[in-house]
N, C-alpha and C. Protein backbone atom coordinates (compact mmCIF):
# COMPACT_ATOMS: atom_id res chain seq x y z
N MET A 1 32.67 12.85 5.39
CA MET A 1 31.47 13.57 5.83
C MET A 1 30.27 13.19 4.96
N GLU A 2 29.15 12.92 5.61
CA GLU A 2 27.96 12.48 4.89
C GLU A 2 27.41 13.60 4.02
N LYS A 3 27.10 13.27 2.76
CA LYS A 3 26.54 14.26 1.86
C LYS A 3 25.07 14.48 2.18
N MET A 4 24.65 15.74 2.11
CA MET A 4 23.28 16.12 2.45
C MET A 4 22.58 16.73 1.24
N VAL A 5 21.25 16.73 1.29
CA VAL A 5 20.46 17.35 0.25
C VAL A 5 19.41 18.23 0.92
N LYS A 6 19.14 19.39 0.33
CA LYS A 6 18.15 20.30 0.89
C LYS A 6 16.76 19.96 0.37
N VAL A 7 15.78 20.02 1.28
CA VAL A 7 14.38 19.75 0.92
C VAL A 7 13.52 20.87 1.50
N HIS A 8 12.74 21.49 0.63
CA HIS A 8 11.80 22.51 1.13
C HIS A 8 10.43 21.86 1.29
N VAL A 9 9.95 21.81 2.54
CA VAL A 9 8.67 21.20 2.85
C VAL A 9 7.60 22.29 2.83
N LEU A 10 6.71 22.20 1.87
CA LEU A 10 5.70 23.24 1.69
C LEU A 10 4.68 23.24 2.82
N ASN A 11 4.42 22.10 3.43
CA ASN A 11 3.38 22.02 4.46
C ASN A 11 3.64 22.96 5.63
N ASN A 12 4.91 23.10 6.02
CA ASN A 12 5.23 24.03 7.11
C ASN A 12 6.24 25.09 6.69
N ASP A 13 6.41 25.22 5.35
CA ASP A 13 7.29 26.24 4.77
C ASP A 13 8.67 26.24 5.44
N ALA A 14 9.26 25.04 5.51
CA ALA A 14 10.57 24.90 6.16
C ALA A 14 11.52 24.19 5.21
N THR A 15 12.78 24.60 5.26
CA THR A 15 13.83 23.94 4.48
C THR A 15 14.71 23.15 5.44
N ILE A 16 14.87 21.86 5.17
CA ILE A 16 15.67 21.00 6.02
C ILE A 16 16.74 20.31 5.17
N GLU A 17 17.73 19.74 5.83
CA GLU A 17 18.75 18.94 5.16
C GLU A 17 18.66 17.51 5.65
N VAL A 18 18.71 16.58 4.71
CA VAL A 18 18.68 15.15 5.03
C VAL A 18 19.80 14.46 4.27
N PRO A 19 20.26 13.32 4.74
CA PRO A 19 21.29 12.58 3.98
C PRO A 19 20.81 12.26 2.58
N ILE A 20 21.69 12.41 1.61
CA ILE A 20 21.33 12.11 0.23
C ILE A 20 20.89 10.64 0.13
N GLY A 21 19.79 10.40 -0.60
CA GLY A 21 19.22 9.06 -0.70
C GLY A 21 18.14 8.78 0.32
N SER A 22 17.82 9.75 1.18
CA SER A 22 16.73 9.57 2.15
C SER A 22 15.40 9.43 1.43
N ASN A 23 14.50 8.62 1.97
CA ASN A 23 13.18 8.52 1.35
C ASN A 23 12.23 9.54 1.98
N LEU A 24 11.05 9.66 1.40
CA LEU A 24 10.11 10.68 1.85
C LEU A 24 9.64 10.45 3.28
N GLU A 25 9.59 9.19 3.71
CA GLU A 25 9.21 8.90 5.09
C GLU A 25 10.24 9.50 6.05
N GLU A 26 11.51 9.38 5.71
CA GLU A 26 12.56 9.95 6.55
C GLU A 26 12.55 11.47 6.52
N VAL A 27 12.23 12.04 5.37
CA VAL A 27 12.10 13.50 5.27
C VAL A 27 10.97 13.98 6.17
N TYR A 28 9.84 13.28 6.12
CA TYR A 28 8.69 13.67 6.96
C TYR A 28 9.06 13.63 8.44
N GLU A 29 9.73 12.57 8.86
CA GLU A 29 10.10 12.42 10.27
C GLU A 29 11.00 13.55 10.73
N LYS A 30 11.86 14.04 9.85
CA LYS A 30 12.80 15.11 10.24
C LYS A 30 12.18 16.50 10.09
N SER A 31 11.09 16.60 9.33
CA SER A 31 10.52 17.92 9.02
C SER A 31 9.87 18.59 10.23
N GLY A 32 9.44 17.79 11.20
CA GLY A 32 8.74 18.36 12.35
C GLY A 32 7.26 18.60 12.09
N PHE A 33 6.84 18.39 10.85
CA PHE A 33 5.43 18.58 10.50
C PHE A 33 4.66 17.31 10.84
N LYS A 34 3.46 17.46 11.39
CA LYS A 34 2.67 16.30 11.81
C LYS A 34 1.32 16.29 11.09
N MET A 35 0.97 15.11 10.62
CA MET A 35 -0.33 14.88 9.98
C MET A 35 -1.08 13.82 10.78
N GLU A 36 -2.37 14.03 10.99
CA GLU A 36 -3.15 13.06 11.77
C GLU A 36 -3.46 11.82 10.95
N TYR A 37 -3.65 11.99 9.64
CA TYR A 37 -4.04 10.87 8.78
C TYR A 37 -3.09 10.78 7.58
N GLY A 38 -1.83 10.59 7.88
CA GLY A 38 -0.84 10.50 6.83
C GLY A 38 0.53 10.87 7.36
N PRO A 39 1.48 11.17 6.45
CA PRO A 39 1.28 11.24 4.99
C PRO A 39 1.35 9.86 4.34
N PHE A 40 0.68 9.75 3.19
CA PHE A 40 0.67 8.49 2.45
C PHE A 40 1.22 8.64 1.04
N SER A 41 1.45 9.88 0.62
CA SER A 41 2.13 10.17 -0.64
C SER A 41 2.56 11.63 -0.57
N ALA A 42 3.15 12.13 -1.66
CA ALA A 42 3.61 13.51 -1.64
C ALA A 42 3.73 14.06 -3.06
N HIS A 43 3.60 15.37 -3.17
CA HIS A 43 3.98 16.06 -4.40
C HIS A 43 5.47 16.38 -4.28
N VAL A 44 6.26 15.88 -5.20
CA VAL A 44 7.69 16.20 -5.25
C VAL A 44 7.91 17.00 -6.53
N ASN A 45 8.22 18.27 -6.37
CA ASN A 45 8.28 19.18 -7.54
C ASN A 45 7.02 19.03 -8.40
N ASN A 46 5.87 18.99 -7.69
CA ASN A 46 4.53 18.92 -8.31
C ASN A 46 4.21 17.59 -8.99
N LYS A 47 5.03 16.56 -8.78
CA LYS A 47 4.73 15.23 -9.30
C LYS A 47 4.45 14.30 -8.13
N VAL A 48 3.37 13.51 -8.22
CA VAL A 48 3.00 12.62 -7.13
C VAL A 48 4.00 11.46 -7.03
N GLU A 49 4.50 11.23 -5.82
CA GLU A 49 5.42 10.13 -5.55
C GLU A 49 4.98 9.41 -4.28
N GLY A 50 5.34 8.12 -4.18
CA GLY A 50 5.08 7.36 -2.96
C GLY A 50 6.13 7.65 -1.89
N MET A 51 5.86 7.19 -0.69
CA MET A 51 6.73 7.51 0.44
C MET A 51 8.06 6.74 0.40
N HIS A 52 8.19 5.75 -0.49
CA HIS A 52 9.48 5.09 -0.68
C HIS A 52 10.43 5.92 -1.54
N TYR A 53 9.93 6.95 -2.19
CA TYR A 53 10.73 7.75 -3.14
C TYR A 53 11.96 8.34 -2.43
N ARG A 54 13.13 8.24 -3.08
CA ARG A 54 14.38 8.72 -2.50
C ARG A 54 14.85 10.00 -3.18
N LEU A 55 15.46 10.86 -2.40
CA LEU A 55 15.89 12.16 -2.89
C LEU A 55 17.41 12.21 -3.03
N TYR A 56 17.84 12.63 -4.23
CA TYR A 56 19.27 12.75 -4.51
C TYR A 56 19.65 14.16 -4.91
N LYS A 57 18.63 15.00 -5.14
CA LYS A 57 18.85 16.40 -5.47
C LYS A 57 17.88 17.27 -4.67
N GLN A 58 18.12 18.55 -4.66
CA GLN A 58 17.24 19.47 -3.95
C GLN A 58 15.83 19.39 -4.53
N LYS A 59 14.82 19.27 -3.63
CA LYS A 59 13.45 19.12 -4.07
C LYS A 59 12.51 19.98 -3.22
N GLN A 60 11.33 20.18 -3.79
CA GLN A 60 10.23 20.82 -3.07
C GLN A 60 9.17 19.75 -2.82
N VAL A 61 8.77 19.58 -1.56
CA VAL A 61 7.89 18.47 -1.18
C VAL A 61 6.64 18.99 -0.47
N GLU A 62 5.50 18.46 -0.88
CA GLU A 62 4.24 18.71 -0.16
C GLU A 62 3.63 17.35 0.19
N PHE A 63 3.53 17.05 1.48
CA PHE A 63 3.00 15.78 1.92
C PHE A 63 1.48 15.75 1.80
N LEU A 64 0.95 14.56 1.45
CA LEU A 64 -0.48 14.38 1.22
C LEU A 64 -1.02 13.30 2.14
N ASP A 65 -2.21 13.55 2.71
CA ASP A 65 -2.81 12.57 3.61
C ASP A 65 -3.94 11.82 2.93
N VAL A 66 -4.73 11.11 3.72
CA VAL A 66 -5.77 10.25 3.16
C VAL A 66 -6.92 11.04 2.55
N THR A 67 -7.01 12.33 2.82
CA THR A 67 -8.06 13.14 2.21
C THR A 67 -7.75 13.50 0.76
N SER A 68 -6.53 13.27 0.32
CA SER A 68 -6.15 13.51 -1.07
C SER A 68 -6.40 12.25 -1.88
N ALA A 69 -6.59 12.42 -3.18
CA ALA A 69 -6.86 11.27 -4.05
C ALA A 69 -5.68 10.29 -4.06
N SER A 70 -4.46 10.81 -4.22
CA SER A 70 -3.29 9.92 -4.31
C SER A 70 -2.98 9.28 -2.96
N GLY A 71 -3.18 10.02 -1.87
CA GLY A 71 -2.96 9.46 -0.54
C GLY A 71 -3.95 8.35 -0.24
N SER A 72 -5.21 8.55 -0.60
CA SER A 72 -6.23 7.53 -0.39
C SER A 72 -5.95 6.29 -1.22
N ARG A 73 -5.47 6.47 -2.45
CA ARG A 73 -5.16 5.32 -3.30
C ARG A 73 -4.00 4.51 -2.73
N ALA A 74 -2.95 5.18 -2.24
CA ALA A 74 -1.81 4.47 -1.64
C ALA A 74 -2.25 3.70 -0.40
N TYR A 75 -3.10 4.31 0.40
CA TYR A 75 -3.64 3.66 1.60
C TYR A 75 -4.43 2.42 1.21
N THR A 76 -5.30 2.57 0.20
CA THR A 76 -6.16 1.48 -0.22
C THR A 76 -5.35 0.33 -0.82
N ARG A 77 -4.35 0.64 -1.65
CA ARG A 77 -3.51 -0.41 -2.21
C ARG A 77 -2.81 -1.20 -1.10
N SER A 78 -2.31 -0.49 -0.10
CA SER A 78 -1.62 -1.15 1.01
C SER A 78 -2.58 -2.05 1.79
N LEU A 79 -3.82 -1.60 1.92
CA LEU A 79 -4.84 -2.41 2.57
C LEU A 79 -5.15 -3.66 1.75
N PHE A 80 -5.18 -3.52 0.42
CA PHE A 80 -5.34 -4.67 -0.46
C PHE A 80 -4.23 -5.69 -0.19
N PHE A 81 -3.00 -5.18 -0.10
CA PHE A 81 -1.83 -6.05 0.09
C PHE A 81 -1.94 -6.81 1.41
N ILE A 82 -2.32 -6.11 2.47
CA ILE A 82 -2.46 -6.74 3.79
C ILE A 82 -3.58 -7.77 3.77
N LEU A 83 -4.68 -7.47 3.09
CA LEU A 83 -5.77 -8.44 2.95
C LEU A 83 -5.28 -9.69 2.23
N CYS A 84 -4.57 -9.53 1.13
CA CYS A 84 -4.08 -10.67 0.37
C CYS A 84 -3.12 -11.52 1.20
N LYS A 85 -2.25 -10.88 1.98
CA LYS A 85 -1.34 -11.64 2.84
C LYS A 85 -2.12 -12.39 3.91
N ALA A 86 -3.13 -11.75 4.50
CA ALA A 86 -3.93 -12.40 5.54
C ALA A 86 -4.63 -13.64 4.98
N VAL A 87 -5.21 -13.50 3.80
CA VAL A 87 -5.89 -14.64 3.17
C VAL A 87 -4.88 -15.74 2.86
N HIS A 88 -3.70 -15.35 2.35
CA HIS A 88 -2.64 -16.32 2.05
C HIS A 88 -2.21 -17.07 3.30
N ASP A 89 -2.14 -16.36 4.44
CA ASP A 89 -1.73 -16.99 5.69
C ASP A 89 -2.77 -17.98 6.21
N LEU A 90 -4.05 -17.71 5.91
CA LEU A 90 -5.14 -18.50 6.49
C LEU A 90 -5.63 -19.64 5.61
N PHE A 91 -5.55 -19.44 4.29
CA PHE A 91 -6.14 -20.42 3.38
C PHE A 91 -5.10 -20.84 2.34
N GLU A 92 -4.91 -22.12 2.20
CA GLU A 92 -3.92 -22.62 1.25
C GLU A 92 -4.43 -22.46 -0.18
N ARG A 93 -3.60 -21.82 -1.02
CA ARG A 93 -3.88 -21.66 -2.45
C ARG A 93 -5.24 -21.02 -2.73
N CYS A 94 -5.59 -20.06 -1.92
CA CYS A 94 -6.84 -19.31 -2.16
C CYS A 94 -6.58 -18.23 -3.19
N LYS A 95 -7.51 -18.04 -4.09
CA LYS A 95 -7.41 -16.96 -5.07
C LYS A 95 -8.24 -15.77 -4.61
N VAL A 96 -7.63 -14.60 -4.63
CA VAL A 96 -8.29 -13.37 -4.19
C VAL A 96 -8.44 -12.45 -5.39
N SER A 97 -9.63 -11.96 -5.59
CA SER A 97 -9.88 -10.98 -6.65
C SER A 97 -10.60 -9.79 -6.05
N ILE A 98 -9.93 -8.63 -6.07
CA ILE A 98 -10.54 -7.41 -5.56
C ILE A 98 -11.18 -6.70 -6.74
N ASP A 99 -12.49 -6.65 -6.73
CA ASP A 99 -13.24 -6.22 -7.91
C ASP A 99 -13.65 -4.75 -7.82
N ILE A 100 -14.86 -4.48 -8.22
CA ILE A 100 -15.33 -3.10 -8.38
C ILE A 100 -15.54 -2.40 -7.05
N PRO A 101 -15.37 -1.07 -7.02
CA PRO A 101 -15.77 -0.30 -5.84
C PRO A 101 -17.29 -0.43 -5.65
N VAL A 102 -17.69 -0.69 -4.41
CA VAL A 102 -19.12 -0.84 -4.12
C VAL A 102 -19.38 -0.45 -2.67
N SER A 103 -20.47 0.25 -2.42
CA SER A 103 -20.91 0.57 -1.07
C SER A 103 -19.79 1.21 -0.23
N ASN A 104 -19.10 2.20 -0.83
CA ASN A 104 -18.00 2.91 -0.16
C ASN A 104 -16.88 1.97 0.28
N GLY A 105 -16.67 0.92 -0.49
CA GLY A 105 -15.58 -0.01 -0.23
C GLY A 105 -15.27 -0.77 -1.51
N TYR A 106 -14.75 -1.98 -1.35
CA TYR A 106 -14.39 -2.80 -2.51
C TYR A 106 -14.89 -4.22 -2.29
N TYR A 107 -15.50 -4.78 -3.33
CA TYR A 107 -15.97 -6.16 -3.26
C TYR A 107 -14.79 -7.09 -3.48
N VAL A 108 -14.64 -8.07 -2.60
CA VAL A 108 -13.54 -9.04 -2.66
C VAL A 108 -14.13 -10.42 -2.92
N ASN A 109 -13.70 -11.01 -4.01
CA ASN A 109 -14.13 -12.37 -4.36
C ASN A 109 -13.07 -13.36 -3.88
N LEU A 110 -13.47 -14.28 -3.03
CA LEU A 110 -12.55 -15.29 -2.49
C LEU A 110 -12.90 -16.65 -3.05
N ASN A 111 -11.92 -17.33 -3.59
CA ASN A 111 -12.11 -18.70 -4.05
C ASN A 111 -11.38 -19.63 -3.07
N ILE A 112 -12.12 -20.09 -2.06
CA ILE A 112 -11.52 -20.95 -1.05
C ILE A 112 -12.08 -22.37 -1.13
N GLY A 113 -12.79 -22.66 -2.20
CA GLY A 113 -13.30 -24.02 -2.41
C GLY A 113 -14.62 -24.30 -1.73
N ARG A 114 -15.19 -23.28 -1.08
CA ARG A 114 -16.49 -23.41 -0.41
C ARG A 114 -17.05 -22.01 -0.18
N PRO A 115 -18.32 -21.90 0.20
CA PRO A 115 -18.89 -20.57 0.45
C PRO A 115 -18.18 -19.85 1.60
N VAL A 116 -18.04 -18.56 1.46
CA VAL A 116 -17.42 -17.73 2.51
C VAL A 116 -18.42 -17.54 3.64
N THR A 117 -17.95 -17.70 4.88
CA THR A 117 -18.82 -17.61 6.05
C THR A 117 -18.50 -16.36 6.88
N LEU A 118 -19.35 -16.08 7.85
CA LEU A 118 -19.09 -14.98 8.79
C LEU A 118 -17.81 -15.23 9.57
N ASP A 119 -17.57 -16.51 9.92
CA ASP A 119 -16.34 -16.86 10.64
C ASP A 119 -15.11 -16.59 9.79
N ASP A 120 -15.20 -16.86 8.49
CA ASP A 120 -14.08 -16.57 7.59
C ASP A 120 -13.77 -15.07 7.59
N ALA A 121 -14.81 -14.25 7.49
CA ALA A 121 -14.62 -12.79 7.49
C ALA A 121 -13.97 -12.34 8.79
N GLY A 122 -14.42 -12.90 9.91
CA GLY A 122 -13.84 -12.53 11.20
C GLY A 122 -12.38 -12.95 11.31
N ALA A 123 -12.06 -14.14 10.81
CA ALA A 123 -10.68 -14.62 10.87
C ALA A 123 -9.76 -13.76 10.01
N ILE A 124 -10.23 -13.36 8.84
CA ILE A 124 -9.43 -12.50 7.96
C ILE A 124 -9.22 -11.14 8.60
N ARG A 125 -10.28 -10.60 9.18
CA ARG A 125 -10.17 -9.29 9.85
C ARG A 125 -9.15 -9.35 10.98
N ARG A 126 -9.20 -10.40 11.78
CA ARG A 126 -8.26 -10.53 12.91
C ARG A 126 -6.82 -10.70 12.41
N ARG A 127 -6.63 -11.50 11.36
CA ARG A 127 -5.28 -11.69 10.83
C ARG A 127 -4.73 -10.39 10.25
N MET A 128 -5.58 -9.63 9.57
CA MET A 128 -5.15 -8.33 9.05
C MET A 128 -4.69 -7.42 10.19
N GLN A 129 -5.45 -7.41 11.28
CA GLN A 129 -5.08 -6.56 12.41
C GLN A 129 -3.77 -7.02 13.03
N GLU A 130 -3.53 -8.33 13.07
CA GLU A 130 -2.25 -8.84 13.58
C GLU A 130 -1.09 -8.36 12.72
N ILE A 131 -1.28 -8.37 11.41
CA ILE A 131 -0.24 -7.90 10.49
C ILE A 131 0.02 -6.41 10.69
N ILE A 132 -1.04 -5.65 10.88
CA ILE A 132 -0.91 -4.21 11.13
C ILE A 132 -0.19 -3.97 12.46
N ASP A 133 -0.61 -4.68 13.50
CA ASP A 133 -0.01 -4.50 14.83
C ASP A 133 1.46 -4.93 14.87
N ALA A 134 1.84 -5.86 14.00
CA ALA A 134 3.23 -6.32 13.95
C ALA A 134 4.17 -5.28 13.35
N ALA A 135 3.61 -4.24 12.73
CA ALA A 135 4.40 -3.14 12.15
C ALA A 135 5.47 -3.65 11.20
N TYR A 136 5.05 -4.50 10.25
CA TYR A 136 5.99 -5.01 9.26
C TYR A 136 6.36 -3.90 8.27
N PRO A 137 7.63 -3.77 7.94
CA PRO A 137 8.00 -2.87 6.83
C PRO A 137 7.40 -3.38 5.53
N ILE A 138 6.98 -2.47 4.69
CA ILE A 138 6.55 -2.83 3.34
C ILE A 138 7.71 -2.49 2.42
N HIS A 139 8.44 -3.50 2.01
CA HIS A 139 9.66 -3.30 1.23
C HIS A 139 9.32 -3.12 -0.25
N ARG A 140 10.00 -2.21 -0.88
CA ARG A 140 9.86 -1.97 -2.32
C ARG A 140 11.09 -2.51 -3.04
N HIS A 141 10.89 -3.32 -4.06
CA HIS A 141 11.99 -3.91 -4.82
C HIS A 141 11.87 -3.54 -6.29
N GLU A 142 12.99 -3.25 -6.91
CA GLU A 142 13.00 -2.97 -8.34
C GLU A 142 13.91 -3.98 -9.03
N THR A 143 13.41 -4.63 -10.06
CA THR A 143 14.16 -5.67 -10.76
C THR A 143 13.76 -5.65 -12.23
N THR A 144 14.41 -6.48 -13.02
CA THR A 144 14.00 -6.57 -14.42
C THR A 144 12.63 -7.27 -14.47
N THR A 145 11.85 -6.92 -15.47
CA THR A 145 10.53 -7.54 -15.61
C THR A 145 10.64 -9.04 -15.80
N GLN A 146 11.68 -9.48 -16.53
CA GLN A 146 11.86 -10.92 -16.75
C GLN A 146 12.12 -11.64 -15.43
N GLU A 147 12.93 -11.06 -14.56
CA GLU A 147 13.19 -11.68 -13.26
C GLU A 147 11.92 -11.73 -12.42
N ALA A 148 11.10 -10.65 -12.51
CA ALA A 148 9.84 -10.62 -11.77
C ALA A 148 8.88 -11.69 -12.30
N ILE A 149 8.84 -11.84 -13.61
CA ILE A 149 7.99 -12.87 -14.23
C ILE A 149 8.40 -14.26 -13.74
N GLU A 150 9.70 -14.51 -13.72
CA GLU A 150 10.19 -15.82 -13.27
C GLU A 150 9.86 -16.05 -11.80
N MET A 151 9.94 -15.00 -10.98
CA MET A 151 9.63 -15.14 -9.56
C MET A 151 8.16 -15.48 -9.36
N PHE A 152 7.25 -14.72 -10.01
CA PHE A 152 5.82 -14.99 -9.85
C PHE A 152 5.43 -16.33 -10.47
N ASP A 153 6.14 -16.73 -11.53
CA ASP A 153 5.88 -18.04 -12.13
C ASP A 153 6.24 -19.15 -11.14
N SER A 154 7.33 -18.97 -10.41
CA SER A 154 7.73 -19.98 -9.42
C SER A 154 6.74 -20.05 -8.26
N LEU A 155 5.99 -18.96 -8.05
CA LEU A 155 4.97 -18.93 -7.00
C LEU A 155 3.60 -19.36 -7.51
N HIS A 156 3.56 -19.77 -8.79
CA HIS A 156 2.32 -20.23 -9.44
C HIS A 156 1.26 -19.13 -9.50
N ASN A 157 1.73 -17.89 -9.59
CA ASN A 157 0.82 -16.75 -9.70
C ASN A 157 0.67 -16.39 -11.17
N ARG A 158 -0.18 -17.13 -11.87
CA ARG A 158 -0.32 -16.98 -13.32
C ARG A 158 -0.86 -15.62 -13.72
N SER A 159 -1.77 -15.07 -12.90
CA SER A 159 -2.36 -13.78 -13.26
C SER A 159 -1.31 -12.68 -13.28
N LYS A 160 -0.37 -12.71 -12.31
CA LYS A 160 0.69 -11.70 -12.27
C LYS A 160 1.66 -11.89 -13.43
N VAL A 161 1.94 -13.15 -13.77
CA VAL A 161 2.83 -13.43 -14.91
C VAL A 161 2.22 -12.86 -16.18
N LYS A 162 0.94 -13.12 -16.38
CA LYS A 162 0.25 -12.61 -17.58
C LYS A 162 0.25 -11.09 -17.60
N LEU A 163 0.01 -10.47 -16.44
CA LEU A 163 -0.01 -9.01 -16.36
C LEU A 163 1.36 -8.41 -16.68
N LEU A 164 2.40 -8.97 -16.10
CA LEU A 164 3.75 -8.43 -16.30
C LEU A 164 4.21 -8.61 -17.74
N LYS A 165 3.82 -9.70 -18.36
CA LYS A 165 4.19 -9.91 -19.76
C LYS A 165 3.54 -8.89 -20.68
N SER A 166 2.41 -8.34 -20.25
CA SER A 166 1.67 -7.39 -21.09
C SER A 166 2.13 -5.95 -20.93
N THR A 167 2.98 -5.66 -19.91
CA THR A 167 3.34 -4.27 -19.64
C THR A 167 4.31 -3.68 -20.67
N GLY A 168 5.18 -4.52 -21.23
CA GLY A 168 6.19 -4.03 -22.18
C GLY A 168 7.29 -3.23 -21.51
N ARG A 169 7.41 -3.35 -20.20
CA ARG A 169 8.43 -2.58 -19.46
C ARG A 169 9.67 -3.43 -19.22
N LEU A 170 10.82 -2.76 -19.23
CA LEU A 170 12.08 -3.46 -18.99
C LEU A 170 12.27 -3.75 -17.50
N PHE A 171 11.82 -2.81 -16.66
CA PHE A 171 11.98 -2.96 -15.21
C PHE A 171 10.61 -2.95 -14.54
N THR A 172 10.55 -3.63 -13.39
CA THR A 172 9.30 -3.78 -12.65
C THR A 172 9.56 -3.56 -11.17
N THR A 173 8.61 -2.95 -10.51
CA THR A 173 8.66 -2.77 -9.06
C THR A 173 7.65 -3.71 -8.40
N TYR A 174 8.10 -4.43 -7.38
CA TYR A 174 7.16 -5.24 -6.59
C TYR A 174 7.44 -5.00 -5.10
N TYR A 175 6.54 -5.49 -4.27
CA TYR A 175 6.63 -5.23 -2.83
C TYR A 175 6.57 -6.53 -2.05
N ASP A 176 7.06 -6.49 -0.80
CA ASP A 176 6.89 -7.64 0.08
C ASP A 176 6.60 -7.21 1.51
N ILE A 177 5.76 -8.03 2.16
CA ILE A 177 5.49 -7.92 3.59
C ILE A 177 5.89 -9.24 4.23
N ASP A 178 6.93 -9.23 5.03
CA ASP A 178 7.36 -10.42 5.76
C ASP A 178 7.51 -11.62 4.82
N GLY A 179 8.09 -11.39 3.64
CA GLY A 179 8.34 -12.47 2.70
C GLY A 179 7.22 -12.75 1.73
N TYR A 180 6.05 -12.16 1.94
CA TYR A 180 4.93 -12.35 1.00
C TYR A 180 5.02 -11.26 -0.06
N VAL A 181 5.11 -11.65 -1.33
CA VAL A 181 5.36 -10.68 -2.40
C VAL A 181 4.12 -10.48 -3.26
N ASP A 182 4.01 -9.28 -3.83
CA ASP A 182 2.92 -8.97 -4.75
C ASP A 182 3.32 -7.77 -5.59
N TYR A 183 2.59 -7.60 -6.67
CA TYR A 183 2.85 -6.51 -7.61
C TYR A 183 1.66 -5.57 -7.61
N TYR A 184 1.93 -4.26 -7.54
CA TYR A 184 0.88 -3.25 -7.60
C TYR A 184 1.31 -2.12 -8.53
N TYR A 185 0.37 -1.66 -9.32
CA TYR A 185 0.64 -0.53 -10.19
C TYR A 185 0.33 0.74 -9.40
N GLY A 186 1.36 1.31 -8.80
CA GLY A 186 1.19 2.49 -7.96
C GLY A 186 1.89 2.29 -6.64
N SER A 187 2.04 3.37 -5.88
CA SER A 187 2.82 3.35 -4.65
C SER A 187 2.04 2.75 -3.48
N LEU A 188 2.79 2.24 -2.50
CA LEU A 188 2.24 1.72 -1.26
C LEU A 188 2.83 2.48 -0.08
N LEU A 189 2.31 2.21 1.11
CA LEU A 189 2.86 2.79 2.33
C LEU A 189 4.18 2.09 2.67
N THR A 190 4.86 2.57 3.68
CA THR A 190 6.17 2.01 4.02
C THR A 190 6.11 1.02 5.18
N ASN A 191 4.96 0.97 5.91
CA ASN A 191 4.85 0.09 7.06
C ASN A 191 3.39 -0.28 7.28
N THR A 192 3.14 -1.53 7.66
CA THR A 192 1.75 -1.95 7.87
C THR A 192 1.08 -1.18 9.00
N SER A 193 1.86 -0.69 9.96
CA SER A 193 1.28 0.01 11.12
C SER A 193 0.64 1.34 10.73
N GLN A 194 0.88 1.82 9.51
CA GLN A 194 0.29 3.08 9.06
C GLN A 194 -1.19 2.93 8.71
N ILE A 195 -1.67 1.69 8.61
CA ILE A 195 -3.10 1.46 8.41
C ILE A 195 -3.80 1.68 9.75
N TYR A 196 -4.59 2.71 9.86
CA TYR A 196 -5.19 3.07 11.14
C TYR A 196 -6.67 2.70 11.23
N LEU A 197 -7.30 2.38 10.09
CA LEU A 197 -8.73 2.11 10.10
C LEU A 197 -9.11 1.29 8.87
N PHE A 198 -9.90 0.24 9.07
CA PHE A 198 -10.40 -0.56 7.95
C PHE A 198 -11.57 -1.39 8.45
N GLY A 199 -12.28 -2.00 7.54
CA GLY A 199 -13.35 -2.91 7.90
C GLY A 199 -13.40 -4.06 6.92
N VAL A 200 -13.79 -5.24 7.40
CA VAL A 200 -14.00 -6.41 6.54
C VAL A 200 -15.32 -7.04 6.96
N GLU A 201 -16.26 -7.13 6.03
CA GLU A 201 -17.57 -7.69 6.31
C GLU A 201 -17.89 -8.77 5.28
N LYS A 202 -18.64 -9.79 5.69
CA LYS A 202 -19.19 -10.71 4.70
C LYS A 202 -20.19 -9.94 3.85
N TYR A 203 -20.11 -10.13 2.55
CA TYR A 203 -20.93 -9.32 1.63
C TYR A 203 -21.33 -10.20 0.46
N PHE A 204 -22.61 -10.59 0.40
CA PHE A 204 -23.10 -11.52 -0.61
C PHE A 204 -22.23 -12.78 -0.61
N ASP A 205 -21.61 -13.13 -1.74
CA ASP A 205 -20.81 -14.37 -1.80
C ASP A 205 -19.34 -14.14 -1.45
N GLY A 206 -18.98 -12.90 -1.12
CA GLY A 206 -17.58 -12.60 -0.83
C GLY A 206 -17.45 -11.70 0.39
N LEU A 207 -16.56 -10.70 0.27
CA LEU A 207 -16.30 -9.77 1.36
C LEU A 207 -16.45 -8.34 0.87
N LEU A 208 -16.72 -7.45 1.81
CA LEU A 208 -16.64 -6.01 1.55
C LEU A 208 -15.47 -5.47 2.34
N LEU A 209 -14.47 -4.93 1.64
CA LEU A 209 -13.33 -4.29 2.29
C LEU A 209 -13.65 -2.81 2.40
N ARG A 210 -13.74 -2.31 3.62
CA ARG A 210 -14.15 -0.92 3.87
C ARG A 210 -12.93 -0.06 4.16
N ILE A 211 -12.95 1.16 3.65
CA ILE A 211 -11.82 2.09 3.76
C ILE A 211 -12.29 3.39 4.40
N PRO A 212 -11.34 4.18 4.94
CA PRO A 212 -11.73 5.46 5.54
C PRO A 212 -12.34 6.41 4.51
N SER A 213 -13.30 7.19 4.96
CA SER A 213 -13.90 8.21 4.12
C SER A 213 -12.90 9.34 3.91
N ARG A 214 -12.77 9.82 2.69
CA ARG A 214 -11.87 10.95 2.43
C ARG A 214 -12.39 12.22 3.08
N GLU A 215 -13.70 12.37 3.14
CA GLU A 215 -14.29 13.57 3.74
C GLU A 215 -14.24 13.53 5.26
N HIS A 216 -14.35 12.33 5.84
CA HIS A 216 -14.31 12.15 7.30
C HIS A 216 -13.35 11.00 7.61
N PRO A 217 -12.05 11.27 7.58
CA PRO A 217 -11.05 10.19 7.63
C PRO A 217 -11.01 9.39 8.92
N SER A 218 -11.68 9.84 9.97
CA SER A 218 -11.74 9.06 11.21
C SER A 218 -12.86 8.03 11.17
N GLU A 219 -13.63 8.01 10.06
CA GLU A 219 -14.77 7.12 9.94
C GLU A 219 -14.66 6.28 8.68
N LEU A 220 -15.25 5.09 8.71
CA LEU A 220 -15.37 4.28 7.51
C LEU A 220 -16.52 4.80 6.68
N GLY A 221 -16.41 4.67 5.36
CA GLY A 221 -17.51 5.05 4.50
C GLY A 221 -18.74 4.21 4.83
N GLU A 222 -19.91 4.82 4.76
CA GLU A 222 -21.14 4.11 5.10
C GLU A 222 -21.43 3.00 4.10
N ILE A 223 -21.93 1.86 4.62
CA ILE A 223 -22.35 0.77 3.73
C ILE A 223 -23.66 1.18 3.07
């Protein structure tokens, strides 16, 4: 007989049972509670966790949507990941640097060996939407930091190698979308299809990646 664990969902004040080892996405699906813009993270016994988090003991869960700080950050990180994969798919050995928040979005510096054009921005936007429409799972992997360093070194990703060497951690978590791997400090969504709104515009010498407004989640933040 399959072992079960009890979960009390604060959003609808309901206690449910799920198979032990279920992740938060599976708990949400069974809870019967519906969010229009999420969930993208959760409070588990008052500690913020990503939707990949698995439950092995009885817990109290409150799901968080894009209007919360942690939910918005998980959404934005996942959008970063999809952008990086889209650029990787379109441009050989392009370096992507997502810099400071600006104009209710994020400035993206692209090194593609020539100036970024309006057509480049359009192609990246379309490729991102294709990745979202394909509903790729966003897989979470946990390995030793040394193994992660060796993997990123084999991919010639020197910046990630340098970053991982500086963490001082024995274990590292990384993610993949359809075989494209990257490292993020913080949780991501579980599927690309959960990205419901974004914008990509040519902006000075790079791009502006636009994200939903926390106050008005059906709209992009104003430029």
